[in-house]
Amino acid sequence: MNASIAPLQASLADATDRFLAYKRALNRGYETETRTLRLLTRALSDQAGSDLRRLSPQMLDTFLLSRPRHRPRSYNHLLGVTRHFFDWAIVQGLIERNPVQASPRRDGSTRRPYLFDVDQMRRLLALARALPDGPNAACRGLVYETVFAVLFGLGLRVGEVSRLRLGDVDLDHAILTIRESKFGKSRLVPFGPRQAERLALYIGERFPRRPDAHQALFSFTRRGCVCPGAISQTFHTLWPRLGLTIPPGTSAPRLHDLRHSFAVATLLRWYREGIDPNQRLLHLSTFMGHVDPTSTAVYLTITDQLLMEADGRFRAHALSRVITGWAP
């Protein structure tokens, strides 16, 4: 920045309000980040007063260490949001340098997801279907069975499934409309004949009368959708009854592992069908609602089956090169 140009004077509260307005103008939800920056404002406004430039690295270190973030990932998120805000403030000419000097914490315990196979999912769906109805939860088993089937079969986020409306299901064209998902994006998700049959049976049994297109697809009342927390809680109630063997280095199953399972199963199927995954990864990324394939790669846990398929493909490729090289 040119030293002759002084930064504009702004309070921390004003600056964070402008930054959040900027993010929302980009159609970003930014809900967790908003709470983080509100904490920052409350903690440091008295010290910064009416001038954002009064913030020092020591003040930011004190704030970061004062928050109960014991897990490296949680702390690094707090650090990243704070640093990103001050980077923006530099671009806006509000400050000259970023006062955040702390370093990220190293996470030495990266979680390896549990990957469900088709047989395990069939058993989970059977347990879900057997759930009894509650006082305010009619068709409870049917709802959770279908929810878990959609999560595993289409790799959707639990929030995306929770928010589905009847009008989002197009059985004639076999397409789900996912609205206002992560980063405020919407997308169309095609599904196959088995998923179509399951959804058709579900809608016919759950909504015997002419349904309202705006009605929640998965709900026990007319007041709203079944919440993601209830779906997760039900999943954690059921999976211990499967008698699963958790491999060393793998954490206990969680609901989001169904999305991981979908991604890895898709990659494995491509290998077995002779499809080059490098040519299809962008398709999978779009299907799963990711911004780019880098985000999708996080879900592609390397398994023994994937290694065997990749090794077989490499050996076949190497052998073809050898034969070609020796050909007269």
Protein backbone atom coordinates (compact mmCIF):
# COMPACT_ATOMS: atom_id res chain seq x y z
CA MET A 1 0.00 0.00 0.00
CA ASN A 2 1.27 3.52 -0.75
CA ALA A 3 2.60 4.98 2.52
CA SER A 4 1.25 8.41 1.59
CA ILE A 5 -2.31 7.13 1.61
CA ALA A 6 -3.63 6.75 5.17
CA PRO A 7 -6.16 4.01 5.87
CA LEU A 8 -9.75 5.08 6.38
CA GLN A 9 -10.87 5.25 9.98
CA ALA A 10 -13.50 2.64 10.89
CA SER A 11 -14.71 0.90 14.04
CA LEU A 12 -14.54 -2.86 14.37
CA ALA A 13 -18.34 -3.15 14.48
CA ASP A 14 -18.80 -1.07 11.32
CA ALA A 15 -16.12 -3.03 9.49
CA THR A 16 -17.57 -6.43 10.37
CA ASP A 17 -21.05 -5.26 9.31
CA ARG A 18 -19.67 -4.19 5.93
CA PHE A 19 -17.73 -7.43 5.54
CA LEU A 20 -20.80 -9.58 6.30
CA ALA A 21 -22.91 -7.53 3.88
CA TYR A 22 -20.25 -8.17 1.24
CA LYS A 23 -20.38 -11.93 1.87
CA ARG A 24 -24.16 -12.03 1.72
CA ALA A 25 -24.10 -10.08 -1.53
CA LEU A 26 -22.10 -13.02 -2.89
CA ASN A 27 -24.97 -15.32 -1.83
CA ARG A 28 -22.94 -16.88 0.96
CA GLY A 29 -24.76 -18.16 4.03
CA TYR A 30 -21.82 -17.41 6.32
CA GLU A 31 -23.85 -18.21 9.44
CA THR A 32 -21.14 -19.80 11.59
CA GLU A 33 -18.66 -17.17 10.45
CA THR A 34 -21.12 -14.42 11.39
CA ARG A 35 -21.30 -15.73 14.95
CA THR A 36 -17.50 -15.84 15.09
CA LEU A 37 -17.15 -12.23 13.98
CA ARG A 38 -19.84 -11.11 16.42
CA LEU A 39 -17.78 -12.70 19.19
CA LEU A 40 -14.73 -10.84 17.90
CA THR A 41 -16.63 -7.55 17.90
CA ARG A 42 -17.92 -7.99 21.45
CA ALA A 43 -14.51 -9.03 22.74
CA LEU A 44 -12.39 -6.31 21.14
CA SER A 45 -14.59 -3.28 20.46
CA ASP A 46 -13.85 -1.77 23.88
CA GLN A 47 -10.12 -2.07 23.21
CA ALA A 48 -10.24 -0.82 19.62
CA GLY A 49 -12.70 1.95 20.33
CA SER A 50 -13.63 3.90 17.24
CA ASP A 51 -10.47 3.04 15.30
CA LEU A 52 -9.87 -0.42 13.81
CA ARG A 53 -6.17 0.39 13.46
CA ARG A 54 -5.70 0.21 17.24
CA LEU A 55 -5.98 -3.59 17.21
CA SER A 56 -2.66 -5.29 17.90
CA PRO A 57 -1.41 -8.87 17.39
CA GLN A 58 -1.42 -9.30 21.17
CA MET A 59 -5.12 -8.41 21.37
CA LEU A 60 -5.93 -10.93 18.63
CA ASP A 61 -3.86 -13.64 20.30
CA THR A 62 -5.72 -13.04 23.56
CA PHE A 63 -9.06 -13.32 21.78
CA LEU A 64 -8.14 -16.54 19.94
CA LEU A 65 -6.82 -18.20 23.10
CA SER A 66 -9.88 -17.13 25.11
CA ARG A 67 -12.27 -19.17 22.97
CA PRO A 68 -12.85 -22.82 24.03
CA ARG A 69 -11.51 -24.42 20.85
CA HIS A 70 -9.77 -27.61 21.96
CA ARG A 71 -9.83 -29.43 18.63
CA PRO A 72 -7.29 -28.19 16.04
CA ARG A 73 -9.91 -28.09 13.28
CA SER A 74 -12.24 -25.90 15.35
CA TYR A 75 -9.43 -23.54 16.36
CA ASN A 76 -8.14 -23.31 12.78
CA HIS A 77 -11.63 -22.38 11.56
CA LEU A 78 -11.80 -19.57 14.13
CA LEU A 79 -8.33 -18.42 13.10
CA GLY A 80 -9.16 -18.59 9.38
CA VAL A 81 -12.37 -16.57 9.65
CA THR A 82 -10.63 -13.89 11.71
CA ARG A 83 -7.65 -13.67 9.37
CA HIS A 84 -9.89 -13.57 6.29
CA PHE A 85 -11.81 -10.62 7.72
CA PHE A 86 -8.66 -8.59 8.30
CA ASP A 87 -7.34 -9.49 4.83
CA TRP A 88 -10.53 -7.95 3.46
CA ALA A 89 -10.03 -4.89 5.67
CA ILE A 90 -6.58 -4.37 4.12
CA VAL A 91 -8.04 -4.46 0.62
CA GLN A 92 -10.66 -1.91 1.71
CA GLY A 93 -7.96 0.41 3.01
CA LEU A 94 -9.17 0.17 6.61
CA ILE A 95 -5.85 -1.14 7.99
CA GLU A 96 -2.32 -1.45 6.67
CA ARG A 97 -1.39 -4.90 7.96
CA ASN A 98 -3.14 -7.98 9.32
CA PRO A 99 -2.95 -8.11 13.14
CA VAL A 100 -3.53 -11.89 13.15
CA GLN A 101 -0.08 -13.44 13.58
CA ALA A 102 -1.03 -16.80 15.16
CA SER A 103 -0.26 -20.05 13.33
CA PRO A 104 -2.73 -22.89 12.66
CA ARG A 105 -2.63 -25.89 14.95
CA ARG A 106 -1.52 -29.16 13.46
CA ASP A 107 -4.18 -31.86 13.42
CA GLY A 108 -2.40 -35.16 13.91
CA SER A 109 -5.59 -37.20 14.23
CA THR A 110 -7.24 -36.91 10.83
CA ARG A 111 -10.48 -38.81 10.94
CA ARG A 112 -10.87 -41.77 8.60
CA PRO A 113 -14.57 -42.20 7.73
CA TYR A 114 -16.40 -45.49 8.05
CA LEU A 115 -17.53 -46.67 4.61
CA PHE A 116 -20.81 -48.57 4.45
CA ASP A 117 -21.31 -51.26 1.84
CA VAL A 118 -24.61 -52.22 0.23
CA ASP A 119 -25.30 -55.15 2.56
CA GLN A 120 -24.74 -53.02 5.67
CA MET A 121 -27.05 -50.37 4.28
CA ARG A 122 -29.79 -52.92 3.61
CA ARG A 123 -29.59 -53.95 7.26
CA LEU A 124 -29.64 -50.33 8.41
CA LEU A 125 -32.71 -49.62 6.27
CA ALA A 126 -34.45 -52.67 7.72
CA LEU A 127 -33.77 -51.41 11.25
CA ALA A 128 -35.07 -47.98 10.30
CA ARG A 129 -38.23 -49.40 8.75
CA ALA A 130 -38.94 -51.29 11.98
CA LEU A 131 -38.91 -48.11 14.10
CA PRO A 132 -42.24 -47.69 15.91
CA ASP A 133 -44.39 -44.63 15.46
CA GLY A 134 -44.25 -41.98 18.16
CA PRO A 135 -47.04 -39.85 19.64
CA ASN A 136 -46.19 -37.09 17.16
CA ALA A 137 -44.32 -39.15 14.59
CA ALA A 138 -46.58 -41.10 12.25
CA CYS A 139 -44.84 -43.35 9.70
CA ARG A 140 -41.57 -42.86 11.57
CA GLY A 141 -39.97 -46.01 10.20
CA LEU A 142 -40.93 -45.24 6.61
CA VAL A 143 -39.59 -41.69 6.85
CA TYR A 144 -36.19 -42.64 8.25
CA GLU A 145 -35.81 -45.63 5.94
CA THR A 146 -36.32 -43.38 2.91
CA VAL A 147 -34.11 -40.61 4.30
CA PHE A 148 -31.17 -42.98 4.83
CA ALA A 149 -31.72 -44.56 1.41
CA VAL A 150 -31.56 -41.16 -0.31
CA LEU A 151 -28.49 -40.10 1.70
CA PHE A 152 -26.60 -43.25 0.76
CA GLY A 153 -27.93 -43.66 -2.79
CA LEU A 154 -27.42 -40.05 -3.94
CA GLY A 155 -24.67 -38.78 -1.64
CA LEU A 156 -26.66 -35.74 -0.53
CA ARG A 157 -25.95 -33.63 2.51
CA VAL A 158 -28.34 -34.25 5.41
CA GLY A 159 -29.54 -30.63 5.28
CA GLU A 160 -30.36 -31.00 1.60
CA VAL A 161 -32.50 -34.07 2.25
CA SER A 162 -34.15 -32.49 5.27
CA ARG A 163 -35.26 -29.43 3.28
CA LEU A 164 -36.76 -31.32 0.33
CA ARG A 165 -40.33 -30.45 -0.61
CA LEU A 166 -42.77 -32.63 -2.51
CA GLY A 167 -42.48 -30.31 -5.48
CA ASP A 168 -38.72 -30.95 -5.59
CA VAL A 169 -39.31 -34.58 -6.60
CA ASP A 170 -39.91 -35.01 -10.35
CA LEU A 171 -40.75 -38.69 -10.77
CA ASP A 172 -41.52 -38.30 -14.49
CA HIS A 173 -38.00 -37.11 -15.27
CA ALA A 174 -36.27 -38.80 -12.28
CA ILE A 175 -34.77 -35.57 -10.94
CA LEU A 176 -34.50 -34.00 -7.51
CA THR A 177 -34.23 -30.22 -7.21
CA ILE A 178 -31.82 -29.24 -4.43
CA ARG A 179 -32.50 -25.63 -3.47
CA GLU A 180 -30.28 -23.07 -1.75
CA SER A 181 -27.71 -25.54 -0.49
CA LYS A 182 -24.13 -24.84 0.56
CA PHE A 183 -22.82 -21.49 -0.75
CA GLY A 184 -26.42 -20.64 -1.68
CA LYS A 185 -26.34 -22.83 -4.79
CA SER A 186 -29.14 -24.94 -6.25
CA ARG A 187 -28.74 -27.94 -8.55
CA LEU A 188 -30.58 -30.80 -10.23
CA VAL A 189 -29.77 -34.35 -9.09
CA PRO A 190 -30.87 -37.24 -11.33
CA PHE A 191 -31.71 -40.62 -9.79
CA GLY A 192 -32.06 -44.13 -11.12
CA PRO A 193 -35.06 -46.46 -11.42
CA ARG A 194 -34.61 -48.07 -8.00
CA GLN A 195 -34.53 -44.73 -6.26
CA ALA A 196 -37.51 -43.63 -8.35
CA GLU A 197 -39.48 -46.68 -7.29
CA ARG A 198 -38.61 -46.11 -3.64
CA LEU A 199 -39.62 -42.44 -3.74
CA ALA A 200 -42.84 -43.20 -5.60
CA LEU A 201 -43.85 -45.82 -3.03
CA TYR A 202 -42.92 -43.46 -0.20
CA ILE A 203 -44.97 -40.57 -1.57
CA GLY A 204 -47.93 -42.84 -2.30
CA GLU A 205 -47.91 -44.29 1.22
CA ARG A 206 -47.02 -41.12 3.11
CA PHE A 207 -49.32 -38.77 1.18
CA PRO A 208 -52.34 -40.78 0.03
CA ARG A 209 -54.32 -37.64 -0.73
CA ARG A 210 -53.33 -35.09 -3.35
CA PRO A 211 -50.13 -33.61 -1.91
CA ASP A 212 -49.19 -29.94 -1.71
CA ALA A 213 -46.01 -29.23 -3.69
CA HIS A 214 -44.76 -26.94 -0.90
CA GLN A 215 -45.23 -29.56 1.81
CA ALA A 216 -42.08 -31.02 3.36
CA LEU A 217 -41.15 -34.38 1.85
CA PHE A 218 -39.82 -35.72 5.15
CA SER A 219 -41.91 -34.52 8.06
CA PHE A 220 -44.03 -35.86 10.89
CA THR A 221 -46.29 -32.81 11.06
CA ARG A 222 -47.40 -30.05 8.71
CA ARG A 223 -45.32 -27.50 10.58
CA GLY A 224 -41.94 -28.22 9.05
CA CYS A 225 -39.25 -30.62 7.92
CA VAL A 226 -37.65 -33.25 10.12
CA CYS A 227 -34.50 -31.55 11.37
CA PRO A 228 -30.97 -32.80 10.55
CA GLY A 229 -30.27 -33.26 14.25
CA ALA A 230 -33.15 -35.72 14.62
CA ILE A 231 -31.94 -37.65 11.56
CA SER A 232 -28.42 -37.85 13.00
CA GLN A 233 -29.69 -38.90 16.42
CA THR A 234 -31.76 -41.70 14.89
CA PHE A 235 -28.78 -42.88 12.84
CA HIS A 236 -26.60 -43.05 15.98
CA THR A 237 -29.33 -45.01 17.73
CA LEU A 238 -29.47 -47.62 14.97
CA TRP A 239 -25.94 -48.26 13.72
CA PRO A 240 -24.62 -49.92 16.95
CA ARG A 241 -27.25 -52.64 16.40
CA LEU A 242 -25.56 -53.63 13.12
CA GLY A 243 -22.64 -55.27 14.91
CA LEU A 244 -20.09 -53.52 12.71
CA THR A 245 -16.38 -54.16 13.00
CA ILE A 246 -14.61 -50.79 13.03
CA PRO A 247 -11.20 -51.09 11.29
CA PRO A 248 -8.12 -49.74 13.11
CA GLY A 249 -7.66 -46.02 12.51
CA THR A 250 -11.33 -45.56 11.61
CA SER A 251 -13.69 -43.61 13.83
CA ALA A 252 -17.15 -44.77 14.78
CA PRO A 253 -19.75 -44.21 12.03
CA ARG A 254 -21.48 -40.87 11.72
CA LEU A 255 -24.28 -39.79 9.42
CA HIS A 256 -21.98 -37.87 7.04
CA ASP A 257 -20.16 -41.15 6.32
CA LEU A 258 -23.06 -42.13 4.06
CA ARG A 259 -21.96 -39.30 1.73
CA HIS A 260 -18.37 -40.55 1.88
CA SER A 261 -19.61 -44.06 1.11
CA PHE A 262 -21.45 -42.84 -1.97
CA ALA A 263 -18.37 -41.06 -3.34
CA VAL A 264 -16.02 -44.02 -2.84
CA ALA A 265 -18.57 -46.52 -4.21
CA THR A 266 -18.97 -44.36 -7.33
CA LEU A 267 -15.21 -44.28 -7.91
CA LEU A 268 -14.96 -48.03 -7.39
CA ARG A 269 -17.79 -48.67 -9.85
CA TRP A 270 -16.01 -46.55 -12.48
CA TYR A 271 -12.86 -48.58 -12.10
CA ARG A 272 -14.76 -51.84 -12.47
CA GLU A 273 -16.62 -50.58 -15.54
CA GLY A 274 -13.40 -49.49 -17.22
CA ILE A 275 -14.17 -45.77 -16.92
CA ASP A 276 -11.29 -43.35 -16.38
CA PRO A 277 -12.06 -41.57 -13.06
CA ASN A 278 -9.99 -38.57 -14.13
CA GLN A 279 -12.49 -37.94 -16.91
CA ARG A 280 -15.49 -38.20 -14.60
CA LEU A 281 -14.36 -36.50 -11.40
CA LEU A 282 -15.79 -33.15 -12.49
CA HIS A 283 -19.16 -34.89 -13.06
CA LEU A 284 -19.07 -36.31 -9.53
CA SER A 285 -18.08 -32.93 -8.13
CA THR A 286 -21.06 -31.26 -9.81
CA PHE A 287 -23.41 -34.05 -8.73
CA MET A 288 -22.35 -33.68 -5.08
CA GLY A 289 -22.69 -29.90 -5.16
CA HIS A 290 -19.00 -29.04 -4.83
CA VAL A 291 -17.39 -25.91 -6.19
CA ASP A 292 -14.49 -27.86 -7.72
CA PRO A 293 -13.05 -31.42 -7.79
CA THR A 294 -10.61 -30.54 -5.00
CA SER A 295 -13.51 -30.53 -2.54
CA THR A 296 -14.71 -33.89 -3.86
CA ALA A 297 -11.26 -35.43 -3.41
CA VAL A 298 -11.68 -35.07 0.36
CA TYR A 299 -14.41 -37.74 0.18
CA LEU A 300 -12.38 -40.24 -1.84
CA THR A 301 -10.89 -42.35 0.94
CA ILE A 302 -8.41 -44.89 -0.43
CA THR A 303 -9.58 -48.43 0.34
CA ASP A 304 -8.07 -51.85 -0.35
CA GLN A 305 -10.62 -52.41 -3.10
CA LEU A 306 -9.73 -49.13 -4.80
CA LEU A 307 -6.03 -49.96 -4.58
CA MET A 308 -6.64 -53.38 -6.15
CA GLU A 309 -8.64 -51.88 -9.01
CA ALA A 310 -6.08 -49.13 -9.60
CA ASP A 311 -3.25 -51.66 -9.50
CA GLY A 312 -5.04 -53.91 -11.98
CA ARG A 313 -5.59 -51.01 -14.35
CA PHE A 314 -1.95 -49.93 -14.09
CA ARG A 315 -0.71 -53.47 -14.78
CA ALA A 316 -2.98 -53.77 -17.82
CA HIS A 317 -1.77 -50.41 -19.12
CA ALA A 318 1.88 -51.32 -18.54
CA LEU A 319 1.44 -54.69 -20.25
CA SER A 320 -0.16 -53.04 -23.29
CA ARG A 321 2.79 -50.68 -23.55
CA VAL A 322 5.23 -53.58 -23.38
CA ILE A 323 3.33 -55.51 -26.07
CA THR A 324 3.14 -52.42 -28.24
CA GLY A 325 6.85 -51.85 -27.79
CA TRP A 326 7.70 -55.39 -28.92
CA ALA A 327 5.28 -55.42 -31.82
CA PRO A 328 7.03 -55.78 -35.24
